[in-house]
Protein backbone atom coordinates (compact mmCIF):
# COMPACT_ATOMS: atom_id res chain seq x y z
CA MET A 1 96.12 78.91 -83.08
CA LYS A 2 98.31 80.31 -80.36
CA THR A 3 95.89 83.09 -79.53
CA LYS A 4 93.42 81.53 -77.14
CA TYR A 5 89.95 82.11 -78.47
CA PHE A 6 88.18 82.08 -75.14
CA ILE A 7 88.70 85.83 -74.88
CA LEU A 8 85.02 86.66 -74.98
CA ALA A 9 84.46 85.00 -71.63
CA VAL A 10 86.62 87.69 -70.07
CA LEU A 11 86.27 90.44 -72.64
CA THR A 12 86.37 94.10 -71.73
CA VAL A 13 83.73 95.63 -73.95
CA PHE A 14 82.81 99.13 -74.96
CA THR A 15 79.39 100.65 -75.33
CA ALA A 16 78.32 103.75 -77.20
CA LEU A 17 77.26 106.63 -75.02
CA ALA A 18 73.77 108.00 -75.46
CA GLY A 19 73.19 111.70 -75.93
CA CYS A 20 73.90 114.33 -78.53
CA LYS A 21 77.44 113.27 -79.47
CA LYS A 22 77.41 111.62 -82.86
CA ALA A 23 81.02 110.44 -82.91
CA LEU A 24 81.68 106.87 -81.97
CA GLU A 25 82.67 107.25 -78.33
CA GLU A 26 83.60 104.30 -76.13
CA THR A 27 83.51 103.79 -72.38
CA PRO A 28 85.07 100.69 -70.80
CA TYR A 29 82.87 98.51 -68.64
CA THR A 30 83.57 95.50 -66.47
CA THR A 31 83.93 91.84 -67.35
CA PHE A 32 81.06 89.92 -68.91
CA THR A 33 80.35 86.36 -69.98
CA THR A 34 79.15 85.56 -73.47
CA ASP A 35 75.56 85.62 -72.19
CA TYR A 36 75.84 89.40 -72.19
CA PHE A 37 75.97 89.37 -75.99
CA LYS A 38 72.55 87.76 -76.15
CA SER A 39 70.97 91.11 -75.22
CA PRO A 40 70.53 94.20 -77.44
CA GLU A 41 72.82 96.19 -75.14
CA GLY A 42 75.47 93.49 -75.16
CA LEU A 43 75.31 93.09 -78.91
CA GLN A 44 75.79 96.83 -79.40
CA SER A 45 78.67 96.84 -76.91
CA ALA A 46 80.34 94.05 -78.85
CA ILE A 47 80.06 95.80 -82.22
CA THR A 48 81.41 99.02 -80.74
CA SER A 49 84.37 97.07 -79.38
CA VAL A 50 85.05 95.68 -82.84
CA TYR A 51 85.01 99.22 -84.26
CA ALA A 52 87.51 100.26 -81.60
CA GLY A 53 89.79 97.34 -82.44
CA MET A 54 90.50 98.91 -85.83
CA ARG A 55 92.60 101.47 -83.95
CA PHE A 56 95.34 98.86 -83.73
CA ASN A 57 95.60 98.91 -87.55
CA TYR A 58 95.47 102.62 -88.29
CA GLY A 59 97.77 105.08 -86.54
CA PRO A 60 100.21 103.22 -84.23
CA ILE A 61 103.84 102.83 -85.24
CA GLY A 62 103.79 99.13 -86.13
CA ALA A 63 100.75 99.39 -88.38
CA THR A 64 102.00 102.57 -90.06
CA LEU A 65 105.41 101.08 -90.80
CA LEU A 66 103.93 97.83 -92.08
CA ALA A 67 101.70 99.62 -94.57
CA ASN A 68 104.19 102.20 -95.88
CA MET A 69 107.81 101.24 -95.25
CA GLY A 70 110.09 99.79 -97.91
CA THR A 71 107.99 100.76 -100.91
CA ASP A 72 108.49 103.05 -103.88
CA GLU A 73 106.82 105.74 -101.73
CA PHE A 74 108.71 105.63 -98.44
CA SER A 75 112.00 104.49 -97.00
CA PHE A 76 113.31 105.15 -93.50
CA GLY A 77 114.37 108.48 -92.02
CA ASP A 78 117.44 109.09 -89.90
CA GLN A 79 115.75 107.79 -86.73
CA GLY A 80 114.39 104.73 -88.50
CA ASN A 81 117.77 103.10 -89.10
CA SER A 82 117.46 100.35 -86.50
CA GLY A 83 115.08 97.70 -85.20
CA GLN A 84 111.83 96.83 -86.90
CA THR A 85 111.90 99.94 -89.13
CA LEU A 86 115.27 99.01 -90.60
CA GLU A 87 114.20 95.38 -91.06
CA LEU A 88 111.11 96.41 -93.04
CA GLY A 89 112.96 99.08 -95.00
CA THR A 90 115.81 96.81 -96.11
CA TYR A 91 113.84 93.57 -96.56
CA GLN A 92 115.81 91.74 -93.91
CA ILE A 93 112.58 90.79 -92.17
CA PRO A 94 112.71 87.98 -89.62
CA PRO A 95 109.55 86.23 -88.40
CA THR A 96 110.20 87.94 -85.05
CA ASN A 97 109.72 91.47 -86.44
CA GLY A 98 107.53 93.44 -84.04
CA SER A 99 105.43 95.21 -86.66
CA ILE A 100 104.02 92.01 -88.14
CA LEU A 101 102.58 91.16 -84.73
CA THR A 102 100.20 94.14 -84.93
CA PRO A 103 97.68 92.56 -87.34
CA TRP A 104 98.32 89.00 -86.25
CA ASN A 105 97.86 89.37 -82.50
CA ARG A 106 95.04 91.90 -82.63
CA ASN A 107 92.87 91.12 -85.63
CA TYR A 108 91.98 87.54 -84.83
CA SER A 109 90.43 88.42 -81.47
CA ASN A 110 88.21 90.92 -83.27
CA ILE A 111 87.35 88.41 -85.98
CA ASN A 112 86.26 85.98 -83.28
CA LEU A 113 84.18 88.70 -81.67
CA CYS A 114 82.49 89.30 -85.05
CA ASN A 115 81.82 85.57 -85.21
CA ALA A 116 80.17 85.80 -81.78
CA ILE A 117 77.98 88.73 -82.83
CA LEU A 118 76.81 86.85 -85.89
CA LYS A 119 76.15 83.74 -83.82
CA PHE A 120 74.07 85.45 -81.13
CA ALA A 121 72.35 88.21 -83.16
CA PRO A 122 69.59 86.05 -84.75
CA ASP A 123 68.18 85.19 -81.31
CA VAL A 124 68.38 88.66 -79.71
CA ALA A 125 65.06 90.38 -79.12
CA MET A 126 65.22 93.39 -81.44
CA SER A 127 63.74 94.59 -84.71
CA ASP A 128 64.89 92.89 -87.89
CA ALA A 129 66.07 96.24 -89.24
CA ALA A 130 68.30 96.93 -86.23
CA ARG A 131 69.59 93.36 -86.23
CA ASN A 132 70.51 93.52 -89.92
CA VAL A 133 72.46 96.74 -89.39
CA ILE A 134 74.50 95.20 -86.56
CA MET A 135 75.07 92.06 -88.60
CA GLY A 136 76.06 94.24 -91.57
CA GLU A 137 78.58 96.07 -89.40
CA ALA A 138 79.95 92.79 -88.04
CA ARG A 139 80.28 91.31 -91.51
CA TYR A 140 81.96 94.41 -92.95
CA LEU A 141 84.40 94.55 -90.04
CA ARG A 142 85.13 90.81 -90.19
CA ALA A 143 85.91 91.11 -93.90
CA HIS A 144 88.08 94.16 -93.26
CA TYR A 145 90.05 92.41 -90.53
CA TYR A 146 90.52 89.42 -92.80
CA LEU A 147 91.67 91.59 -95.70
CA LEU A 148 94.30 93.19 -93.46
CA LEU A 149 95.61 89.69 -92.76
CA VAL A 150 95.33 88.26 -96.29
CA GLU A 151 97.09 91.18 -97.97
CA GLN A 152 100.05 90.76 -95.60
CA PHE A 153 100.25 87.00 -95.02
CA GLY A 154 98.31 85.33 -97.82
CA ALA A 155 96.04 82.44 -96.81
CA VAL A 156 94.97 82.64 -93.16
CA PRO A 157 92.68 80.38 -91.12
CA LEU A 158 88.92 80.79 -91.19
CA ASP A 159 88.60 77.88 -88.77
CA LEU A 160 89.73 79.04 -85.33
CA GLY A 161 88.94 75.71 -83.74
CA SER A 162 85.16 75.34 -84.09
CA GLY A 163 84.70 75.46 -87.87
CA ASP A 164 84.97 78.10 -90.61
CA LEU A 165 83.74 81.51 -89.43
CA VAL A 166 82.35 79.98 -86.23
CA PHE A 167 82.83 81.62 -82.84
CA THR A 168 85.06 79.66 -80.48
CA ASP A 169 85.49 80.11 -76.73
CA VAL A 170 88.06 77.39 -76.09
CA ALA A 171 91.81 77.46 -76.51
CA TYR A 172 92.97 75.99 -79.83
CA TYR A 173 96.55 75.22 -80.89
CA GLY A 174 96.02 73.91 -84.40
CA PHE A 175 96.68 76.02 -87.47
CA ASN A 176 94.12 75.51 -90.22
CA ARG A 177 96.11 77.05 -93.07
CA LEU A 178 96.71 74.08 -95.34
CA PRO A 179 96.42 73.64 -98.25
CA THR A 180 97.04 77.36 -98.69
CA ASN A 181 95.45 77.64 -102.15
CA ASP A 182 92.19 76.19 -100.89
CA VAL A 183 92.23 78.38 -97.79
CA LEU A 184 92.96 81.50 -99.87
CA LYS A 185 89.94 80.77 -102.06
CA LYS A 186 87.80 80.49 -98.95
CA ASN A 187 89.31 83.73 -97.58
CA TYR A 188 88.22 85.69 -100.65
CA ALA A 189 84.84 83.98 -100.91
CA SER A 190 84.05 84.79 -97.29
CA MET A 191 85.09 88.43 -97.64
CA ILE A 192 82.95 88.83 -100.76
CA SER A 193 79.97 87.20 -99.06
CA ASP A 194 80.34 89.40 -95.97
CA LEU A 195 80.71 92.61 -97.94
CA THR A 196 77.83 91.79 -100.27
CA PHE A 197 75.60 91.38 -97.22
CA ALA A 198 76.96 94.60 -95.71
CA SER A 199 76.40 96.56 -98.93
CA GLN A 200 72.73 95.55 -98.82
CA ASN A 201 71.98 95.89 -95.11
CA LEU A 202 74.03 98.76 -93.72
CA PRO A 203 72.47 102.25 -93.69
CA VAL A 204 72.53 103.75 -97.16
CA THR A 205 74.39 106.88 -96.03
CA ARG A 206 76.96 107.59 -93.34
CA PRO A 207 75.88 109.81 -90.41
CA ALA A 208 77.09 113.38 -90.84
CA GLY A 209 79.21 113.47 -87.69
CA ALA A 210 80.34 109.91 -87.09
CA PHE A 211 82.08 107.07 -88.84
CA ARG A 212 79.44 104.40 -88.42
CA LEU A 213 79.57 102.17 -91.44
CA SER A 214 77.34 102.63 -94.44
CA GLN A 215 76.73 101.00 -97.81
CA SER A 216 79.28 103.28 -99.47
CA ALA A 217 82.09 101.89 -97.28
CA ALA A 218 80.97 98.34 -98.04
CA LEU A 219 80.87 98.97 -101.80
CA HIS A 220 84.36 100.47 -101.65
CA LEU A 221 85.82 97.47 -99.86
CA LEU A 222 83.89 94.96 -101.95
CA SER A 223 85.25 96.47 -105.16
CA LYS A 224 88.78 96.32 -103.71
CA VAL A 225 88.42 92.67 -102.68
CA TYR A 226 87.24 91.73 -106.18
CA LEU A 227 90.22 93.63 -107.63
CA TYR A 228 92.69 91.98 -105.26
CA ARG A 229 91.32 88.52 -105.97
CA GLY A 230 91.77 89.20 -109.67
CA TYR A 231 95.54 89.39 -109.08
CA SER A 232 95.67 86.39 -106.74
CA ASP A 233 96.05 82.64 -107.14
CA ALA A 234 92.35 82.42 -106.24
CA LYS A 235 91.30 84.62 -109.18
CA GLU A 236 88.06 84.12 -111.08
CA SER A 237 87.46 85.28 -114.62
CA THR A 238 84.78 87.78 -113.58
CA ASP A 239 86.76 89.50 -110.80
CA PHE A 240 87.88 92.62 -112.65
CA ASN A 241 84.44 93.09 -114.20
CA ASN A 242 82.81 92.71 -110.78
CA ALA A 243 85.29 95.18 -109.27
CA TYR A 244 84.36 97.68 -111.98
CA LYS A 245 80.61 97.19 -111.64
CA THR A 246 80.72 97.45 -107.85
CA ALA A 247 82.80 100.62 -107.92
CA MET A 248 80.59 102.17 -110.60
CA GLU A 249 77.47 101.48 -108.54
CA LEU A 250 78.87 103.92 -105.99
CA ILE A 251 80.29 106.40 -108.50
CA ASN A 252 77.09 106.56 -110.55
CA ASN A 253 74.89 106.98 -107.48
CA LYS A 254 76.86 109.37 -105.30
CA ALA A 255 73.79 111.35 -104.24
CA LYS A 256 72.02 108.19 -103.10
CA TYR A 257 74.97 107.13 -100.95
CA GLY A 258 75.69 110.64 -99.63
CA THR A 259 79.21 111.02 -101.00
CA ASP A 260 81.06 113.04 -103.62
CA LEU A 261 84.49 114.24 -104.62
CA LEU A 262 85.42 117.54 -103.00
CA PRO A 263 86.29 120.22 -105.57
CA ASP A 264 89.52 121.09 -103.70
CA TYR A 265 91.95 118.26 -102.89
CA SER A 266 93.45 120.27 -100.02
CA LEU A 267 90.19 120.05 -98.06
CA ILE A 268 90.05 116.26 -97.85
CA HIS A 269 92.67 115.94 -95.10
CA LYS A 270 92.21 119.38 -93.60
CA GLN A 271 91.96 119.31 -89.82
CA GLY A 272 88.46 120.26 -88.72
CA ASN A 273 87.00 118.84 -91.94
CA ASP A 274 87.42 115.20 -90.93
CA TYR A 275 83.79 114.25 -91.63
CA ASN A 276 83.66 115.56 -95.20
CA ARG A 277 81.56 113.76 -97.80
CA GLU A 278 84.50 112.27 -99.70
CA VAL A 279 85.51 110.17 -96.69
CA LEU A 280 83.62 106.88 -96.63
CA TYR A 281 85.12 105.42 -93.46
CA SER A 282 87.65 106.54 -90.87
CA VAL A 283 88.78 104.93 -87.66
CA GLU A 284 87.28 107.19 -85.03
CA ARG A 285 89.23 109.15 -82.45
CA LEU A 286 88.18 112.29 -80.57
CA PRO A 287 90.28 115.44 -80.01
CA LEU A 288 91.91 115.91 -76.59
CA ASN A 289 90.34 112.73 -75.26
CA ASN A 290 93.06 110.17 -74.62
CA VAL A 291 90.87 108.15 -72.28
CA ASN A 292 88.22 107.67 -74.94
CA ASN A 293 90.92 107.03 -77.54
CA GLU A 294 92.29 104.26 -75.31
CA VAL A 295 95.73 105.80 -74.92
CA LEU A 296 97.20 105.14 -71.50
CA SER A 297 100.53 106.99 -71.81
CA PRO A 298 100.11 109.88 -74.30
CA GLY A 299 103.77 110.94 -74.34
CA THR A 300 105.39 107.54 -74.60
CA GLU A 301 102.82 105.19 -76.10
CA PHE A 302 103.72 104.45 -79.72
CA ALA A 303 101.96 101.12 -80.09
CA GLY A 304 98.58 99.98 -78.76
CA LYS A 305 95.86 102.18 -80.20
CA ALA A 306 97.77 105.48 -80.15
CA ASN A 307 97.55 107.50 -83.37
CA ILE A 308 101.07 108.86 -83.89
CA SER A 309 100.97 108.72 -87.69
CA GLY A 310 101.68 112.45 -88.12
CA ASN A 311 104.90 112.24 -86.15
CA LEU A 312 106.29 109.28 -88.09
CA PHE A 313 106.48 111.14 -91.43
CA THR A 314 108.00 114.33 -89.92
CA SER A 315 111.63 115.24 -90.61
CA ASN A 316 114.11 117.04 -88.35
CA TYR A 317 113.00 120.62 -88.94
CA GLN A 318 114.62 121.71 -85.67
CA ASN A 319 118.08 120.65 -86.82
CA ALA A 320 117.67 122.41 -90.17
CA ALA A 321 116.33 125.67 -88.75
CA VAL A 322 119.46 126.89 -86.96
CA VAL A 323 120.96 130.25 -87.92
CA GLY A 324 123.90 131.74 -86.05
CA GLY A 325 123.48 129.22 -83.28
CA VAL A 326 119.80 130.14 -82.79
CA SER A 327 117.09 127.53 -83.39
CA LEU A 328 114.33 129.30 -85.31
CA ILE A 329 111.76 126.60 -84.53
CA ASP A 330 111.67 125.99 -80.81
CA ASP A 331 109.99 123.43 -78.55
CA ARG A 332 108.33 121.40 -81.32
CA PRO A 333 105.32 123.59 -82.14
CA LEU A 334 102.07 121.64 -82.32
CA GLN A 335 101.43 122.59 -85.94
CA TYR A 336 104.65 120.88 -87.05
CA ASN A 337 104.28 117.55 -85.21
CA ARG A 338 106.89 115.70 -83.20
CA PRO A 339 109.82 114.85 -85.52
CA LEU A 340 110.16 111.10 -85.04
CA ARG A 341 111.68 110.73 -88.55
CA GLN A 342 110.74 107.13 -89.25
CA LEU A 343 109.41 107.48 -92.81
CA ALA A 344 111.05 109.55 -95.55
CA PRO A 345 109.68 109.86 -99.10
CA THR A 346 111.81 108.42 -101.88
CA ALA A 347 113.35 110.68 -104.50
CA PHE A 348 111.05 108.92 -106.96
CA VAL A 349 108.06 110.49 -105.21
CA TYR A 350 109.14 114.11 -105.12
CA ASN A 351 111.21 114.17 -108.32
CA THR A 352 109.28 111.88 -110.69
CA VAL A 353 105.75 111.07 -109.57
CA PHE A 354 105.18 114.67 -108.52
CA ALA A 355 107.39 116.18 -111.23
CA ASP A 356 104.60 118.59 -112.18
CA LYS A 357 104.07 120.62 -109.02
CA THR A 358 102.45 123.50 -110.89
CA ASN A 359 99.45 122.02 -112.65
CA ASP A 360 99.00 119.26 -110.07
CA ALA A 361 98.32 120.64 -106.59
CA ARG A 362 98.47 117.30 -104.80
CA PHE A 363 102.14 117.44 -103.81
CA ASP A 364 101.71 120.80 -102.10
CA CYS A 365 98.48 119.58 -100.50
CA SER A 366 100.18 116.44 -99.20
CA PHE A 367 103.66 117.56 -98.11
CA ARG A 368 105.05 120.32 -95.95
CA VAL A 369 107.98 122.06 -97.64
CA MET A 370 107.96 125.30 -95.64
CA TRP A 371 108.43 125.87 -91.93
CA LYS A 372 108.09 129.26 -90.25
CA VAL A 373 109.70 130.64 -87.12
CA ALA A 374 107.61 129.34 -84.22
CA THR A 375 107.71 128.37 -80.55
CA LEU A 376 105.60 127.04 -77.71
CA ARG A 377 107.18 129.46 -75.22
CA THR A 378 105.04 131.94 -73.32
CA GLY A 379 105.54 134.86 -70.96
CA ALA A 380 109.11 135.86 -70.12
CA ASP A 381 110.50 132.87 -71.99
CA LEU A 382 108.76 134.05 -75.14
CA GLU A 383 110.24 137.55 -74.85
CA THR A 384 113.71 136.07 -74.38
CA PHE A 385 113.18 133.93 -77.47
CA LYS A 386 112.12 136.97 -79.51
CA THR A 387 115.30 138.77 -78.47
CA ARG A 388 117.43 135.83 -79.58
CA LEU A 389 115.61 135.77 -82.92
CA ALA A 390 116.19 139.47 -83.46
CA SER A 391 119.92 138.96 -82.90
CA VAL A 392 120.06 136.90 -86.11
CA GLY A 393 117.54 138.98 -88.05
CA PHE A 394 114.37 136.90 -87.61
CA ALA A 395 110.97 137.36 -85.99
CA LEU A 396 108.07 135.04 -85.20
CA GLY A 397 106.23 134.07 -88.38
CA ASP A 398 109.16 134.59 -90.75
CA THR A 399 110.02 131.77 -93.13
CA ALA A 400 112.69 129.56 -91.54
CA ILE A 401 113.11 126.69 -94.04
CA TYR A 402 111.99 126.21 -97.61
CA LEU A 403 112.45 123.01 -99.59
CA ALA A 404 112.60 124.18 -103.19
CA PRO A 405 110.93 122.05 -105.88
CA THR A 406 114.08 121.97 -108.04
CA ASN A 407 117.79 122.55 -107.54
CA ALA A 408 117.63 125.41 -110.02
CA ARG A 409 114.95 127.14 -107.95
CA ALA A 410 117.03 126.64 -104.80
CA ALA A 411 120.05 128.23 -106.46
CA GLN A 412 117.92 131.12 -107.70
CA LEU A 413 116.56 131.86 -104.21
CA ARG A 414 120.02 131.72 -102.67
CA ALA A 415 121.28 134.14 -105.32
CA MET A 416 118.46 136.49 -104.34
CA GLY A 417 119.92 136.58 -100.83
CA LYS A 418 117.04 134.92 -98.97
CA LYS A 419 117.95 134.74 -95.30
CA TYR A 420 116.02 131.59 -94.58
CA LYS A 421 117.43 128.10 -95.20
CA VAL A 422 116.86 127.01 -98.81
CA ILE A 423 117.36 123.34 -99.67
CA GLY A 424 117.06 121.76 -103.09
CA PRO A 425 115.98 118.16 -103.86
CA SER A 426 119.57 116.91 -104.24
CA GLU A 427 120.17 118.03 -100.65
CA TYR A 428 117.10 116.40 -99.08
CA TYR A 429 117.92 113.69 -96.59
CA SER A 430 118.29 110.16 -97.87
CA ASN A 431 120.29 107.22 -96.64
CA GLN A 432 122.73 107.98 -99.43
CA ASN A 433 123.00 111.69 -98.51
CA LYS A 434 122.77 112.46 -94.79
CA THR A 435 124.09 116.03 -94.81
CA ASN A 436 120.67 117.49 -94.05
CA LEU A 437 118.13 115.69 -91.88
CA ILE A 438 115.15 117.21 -93.62
CA TYR A 439 112.84 116.17 -96.43
CA PRO A 440 109.25 116.91 -97.53
CA SER A 441 107.11 115.83 -94.59
CA LEU A 442 103.68 114.33 -95.12
CA LYS A 443 101.12 116.64 -93.53
CA LYS A 444 97.87 114.73 -94.05
CA TYR A 445 97.90 113.65 -90.39
CA ASP A 446 98.82 117.02 -88.87
CA ASP A 447 97.11 117.67 -85.55
CA SER A 448 97.57 121.04 -83.86
CA VAL A 449 94.81 120.34 -81.30
CA ARG A 450 96.80 118.38 -78.73
CA ASN A 451 97.53 118.79 -75.05
CA ASN A 452 101.27 119.25 -75.60
CA PHE A 453 103.95 118.46 -78.17
CA GLN A 454 104.30 114.87 -76.96
CA ASP A 455 100.56 114.12 -77.02
CA VAL A 456 99.15 111.69 -79.58
CA SER A 457 96.59 112.66 -82.19
CA GLY A 458 92.86 112.78 -81.58
CA ARG A 459 91.97 112.97 -85.26
CA PRO A 460 90.11 110.19 -87.08
CA TYR A 461 92.33 108.17 -89.42
CA ILE A 462 90.98 108.05 -92.98
CA VAL A 463 90.66 104.49 -94.26
CA ALA A 464 88.43 104.79 -97.33
CA LYS A 465 87.84 107.70 -99.72
CA LEU A 466 85.66 108.00 -102.79
CA SER A 467 88.71 108.96 -104.85
CA GLU A 468 90.10 105.44 -104.37
CA VAL A 469 86.85 104.02 -105.73
CA TYR A 470 87.54 105.94 -108.97
CA LEU A 471 91.04 104.46 -109.10
CA ILE A 472 89.75 100.94 -108.44
CA ALA A 473 87.14 101.29 -111.19
CA ALA A 474 89.74 102.62 -113.64
CA GLU A 475 92.20 99.82 -112.87
CA ALA A 476 89.49 97.17 -113.12
CA ALA A 477 88.42 98.57 -116.51
CA LEU A 478 92.03 98.47 -117.70
CA GLN A 479 92.47 94.87 -116.59
CA ASP A 480 89.13 93.95 -118.17
CA ASN A 481 90.44 95.25 -121.51
CA ARG A 482 88.19 98.32 -121.54
CA VAL A 483 90.78 101.05 -121.10
CA ALA A 484 88.49 103.67 -122.66
CA ASP A 485 86.24 103.33 -119.63
CA ALA A 486 89.18 104.18 -117.38
CA VAL A 487 89.88 107.54 -119.02
CA PRO A 488 87.01 109.64 -117.58
CA LEU A 489 87.59 108.14 -114.11
CA ILE A 490 91.28 109.07 -114.06
CA ASN A 491 90.60 112.48 -115.56
CA ALA A 492 87.95 113.27 -112.94
CA LEU A 493 90.69 113.05 -110.30
CA ARG A 494 93.37 114.77 -112.36
CA GLU A 495 91.15 117.68 -113.29
CA ARG A 496 90.17 118.07 -109.63
CA ALA A 497 93.89 118.12 -108.78
CA ALA A 498 94.39 121.19 -110.99
CA PHE A 499 92.38 123.34 -108.60
CA ARG A 500 94.17 125.87 -106.40
CA SER A 501 92.58 128.74 -104.59
CA GLY A 502 93.30 132.04 -106.30
CA LEU A 503 93.25 130.76 -109.87
CA ASN A 504 90.87 132.52 -112.22
CA ALA A 505 88.57 130.55 -114.50
CA THR A 506 90.88 130.81 -117.51
CA GLU A 507 93.94 129.66 -115.57
CA LEU A 508 92.06 126.77 -114.03
CA ALA A 509 90.67 125.63 -117.39
CA ALA A 510 94.16 125.68 -118.92
CA ARG A 511 95.59 123.60 -116.09
CA LYS A 512 92.75 121.10 -116.25
CA GLU A 513 93.43 120.62 -119.93
CA ILE A 514 97.11 119.95 -119.26
CA MET A 515 96.22 117.40 -116.59
CA LYS A 516 94.01 115.28 -118.85
CA VAL A 517 95.29 111.92 -120.08
CA THR A 518 94.28 109.68 -122.97
CA ALA A 519 93.72 105.93 -123.20
CA GLY A 520 97.21 105.42 -124.63
CA GLN A 521 98.78 106.76 -121.43
CA ILE A 522 96.91 104.51 -119.03
CA THR A 523 98.86 101.44 -117.97
CA LEU A 524 99.07 99.66 -114.64
CA ASP A 525 102.27 101.54 -113.82
CA PHE A 526 100.56 104.82 -114.64
CA ILE A 527 97.69 103.93 -112.30
CA LEU A 528 100.16 102.96 -109.56
CA ASP A 529 101.81 106.38 -109.96
CA GLU A 530 98.39 108.02 -109.88
CA ARG A 531 97.64 106.14 -106.66
CA ILE A 532 100.73 107.79 -105.14
CA ARG A 533 99.57 111.21 -106.26
CA GLU A 534 96.09 110.68 -104.84
CA LEU A 535 96.75 108.43 -101.82
CA CYS A 536 100.37 108.99 -100.79
CA GLY A 537 101.13 107.88 -97.24
CA GLU A 538 97.60 106.65 -96.55
CA GLY A 539 98.58 103.16 -95.41
CA LEU A 540 97.89 101.47 -98.75
CA ARG A 541 101.19 101.27 -100.59
CA TRP A 542 102.76 98.02 -99.44
CA PRO A 543 99.65 95.95 -100.25
CA ASP A 544 99.17 98.05 -103.42
CA LEU A 545 102.46 96.67 -104.71
CA ALA A 546 102.54 93.23 -103.12
CA VAL A 547 99.05 92.15 -104.16
CA ARG A 548 99.69 93.25 -107.75
CA LYS A 549 103.11 91.48 -107.75
CA LYS A 550 104.78 94.82 -108.50
CA LEU A 551 106.70 95.11 -105.24
CA VAL A 552 110.07 93.73 -106.35
CA GLU A 553 110.09 95.55 -109.68
CA ARG A 554 109.28 98.95 -108.24
CA VAL A 555 111.38 98.70 -105.08
CA LYS A 556 114.41 97.71 -107.18
CA ALA A 557 113.76 100.62 -109.52
CA TYR A 558 112.88 103.36 -107.04
CA ASN A 559 114.00 102.53 -103.49
CA PRO A 560 117.79 102.16 -103.13
CA ASP A 561 117.48 101.06 -99.49
CA GLY A 562 115.20 98.12 -100.26
CA ALA A 563 116.57 97.22 -103.70
CA PRO A 564 119.57 95.08 -102.70
CA ASN A 565 117.59 92.53 -100.69
CA VAL A 566 113.98 92.50 -101.92
CA LYS A 567 112.94 89.20 -103.49
CA ASP A 568 109.76 87.66 -104.83
CA PHE A 569 108.93 85.92 -101.56
CA HIS A 570 108.67 89.34 -99.90
CA ASN A 571 105.25 89.75 -101.51
CA LEU A 572 104.08 88.04 -98.32
CA ARG A 573 105.16 88.73 -94.76
CA PRO A 574 106.38 85.93 -92.52
CA ILE A 575 103.90 84.27 -90.20
CA PRO A 576 105.07 85.44 -86.73
CA GLN A 577 107.53 83.00 -85.19
CA ASP A 578 105.62 82.84 -81.92
CA GLN A 579 102.63 81.54 -83.87
CA ILE A 580 104.71 78.92 -85.68
CA ASN A 581 106.34 77.78 -82.41
CA SER A 582 102.98 77.34 -80.71
CA VAL A 583 101.35 75.10 -83.32
CA VAL A 584 100.46 71.59 -82.22
CA ASP A 585 99.94 69.59 -85.39
CA PRO A 586 96.86 67.35 -85.10
CA ALA A 587 98.69 64.50 -86.86
CA GLY A 588 101.75 64.88 -84.66
CA ASP A 589 103.99 66.15 -87.50
CA PRO A 590 106.92 68.00 -85.87
CA ASN A 591 107.62 70.03 -89.05
CA ARG A 592 106.13 73.39 -88.22
CA ASN A 593 107.82 75.13 -91.14
CA LYS A 594 105.12 73.82 -93.47
CA TYR A 595 102.88 76.53 -91.98
CA GLN A 596 105.40 79.33 -92.68
CA ASN A 597 105.46 81.39 -95.87
CA PRO A 598 108.29 80.41 -98.28
CA GLY A 599 111.56 82.25 -97.84
CA TYR A 600 111.28 82.72 -94.07
CA TYR A 601 112.62 79.37 -92.84
């Protein structure tokens, strides 16, 4: 492959700091040879480096766009109408698109590092228990990196030049992807083998204040891999049943694995509650610590390992909050994120999927629809700002913008003479209606603990939650022709979604009853809608649709920006052109297009 797999000979590694801090904190050291990984310290440094590599996949702009853009959930905002965002959002995706390079260029180096750990670990002088944990971490992470590749590109090489799943430290320019059906079968078999080992050898529970891997994370990913294989050309007859059984092992033994559903959906993504028991695995970052988070240029770094996810879903609240020439929201207050306006929810999300915003609290828990008068100014500048506000009848803390749930409610509030800006759903920004540059803004990634408004986030990025395990189990039961077994799993989430603080017991019971569904209502499309309600914007949607072969159908139905161009071949991304150009065929065949996914040559 083009990437030269001798990287470990000159690898910059990271080692966990000793002491009282439980979070996974990294410190860069100098260059080492592979001999370093034959020691306990070197082995631990290597595994910590592989953990840190996941930051490339969760939080930066390329990874966030790749996972969310051009789906039934999200299209592009008014600043996402060019470059790689526009290409992904309109399905005019060339093999040179920058976002597809994120998993390709980064994940293979970490896979090879996992291969090295697994090669050297058996001979390192350490206890068998400690060795098995490190090997369990390496095997989970290798499977995770491979899944990120397979769900985007289909079959990808296991042989990087020295054999399947074998560490290589020499440059290799072949491309062991053919025949793709055989390679895909090996991809899934290797992921299942790795995750089975991890589910048996990782610690049973996750540490309270860190995102070291545990058996619960491995069971989650193993159930997902079984489910995904069940939809693939590599499917086996037992896949859906195995997905169900694996998920139910975790659901039925929550106390053993140290996890549970929170009673209040709003608490799952609440800042300051990042280590709650519903979260099985997050990619670690630490607040106000850009050095540790491997961010070199906090104000301008959008790629690399910078977590800017919160900014990408944020609409132009500053433009909308102008009254009498006075901007009511000034200097991009930290609580409202930097409005980079790359990802905008589709009308399908806020009008249809979340049609019931009364009994189901998840829309209000997931999206910001109200902005208040705020500023970052201090001292004399603050007093001047207050005077300007008073001139148009506002003060700090007043409501500035409200996105009403229906057009009728917007009209009602305007008729009541509300002084703040009221906008109904028909007036939200879309690429068919650009009058207002504002729309419901995903707030799951909000981070008000930053150095300044341009700073990136220091919050962990949630990758796996117990709620998704319920959804996987329900879907697997449906596909295994046991829909009755899906009902209590779906209802557990829907009844939890009825909770809002302030409801009395009678009100809550009534709403829970309304939220319940029966077996006759549960179809794959219903579960896909439920996945939006539970997991909206969490970096899952594009593979959700593509793996299940539902991408074209649902984009054509619910995303007017992607509908004109999306085709069946878009269920896979193109192999990056640089990779194709670099291949040296071992038989001397000059036709490199045979390595490319159909539709992209």
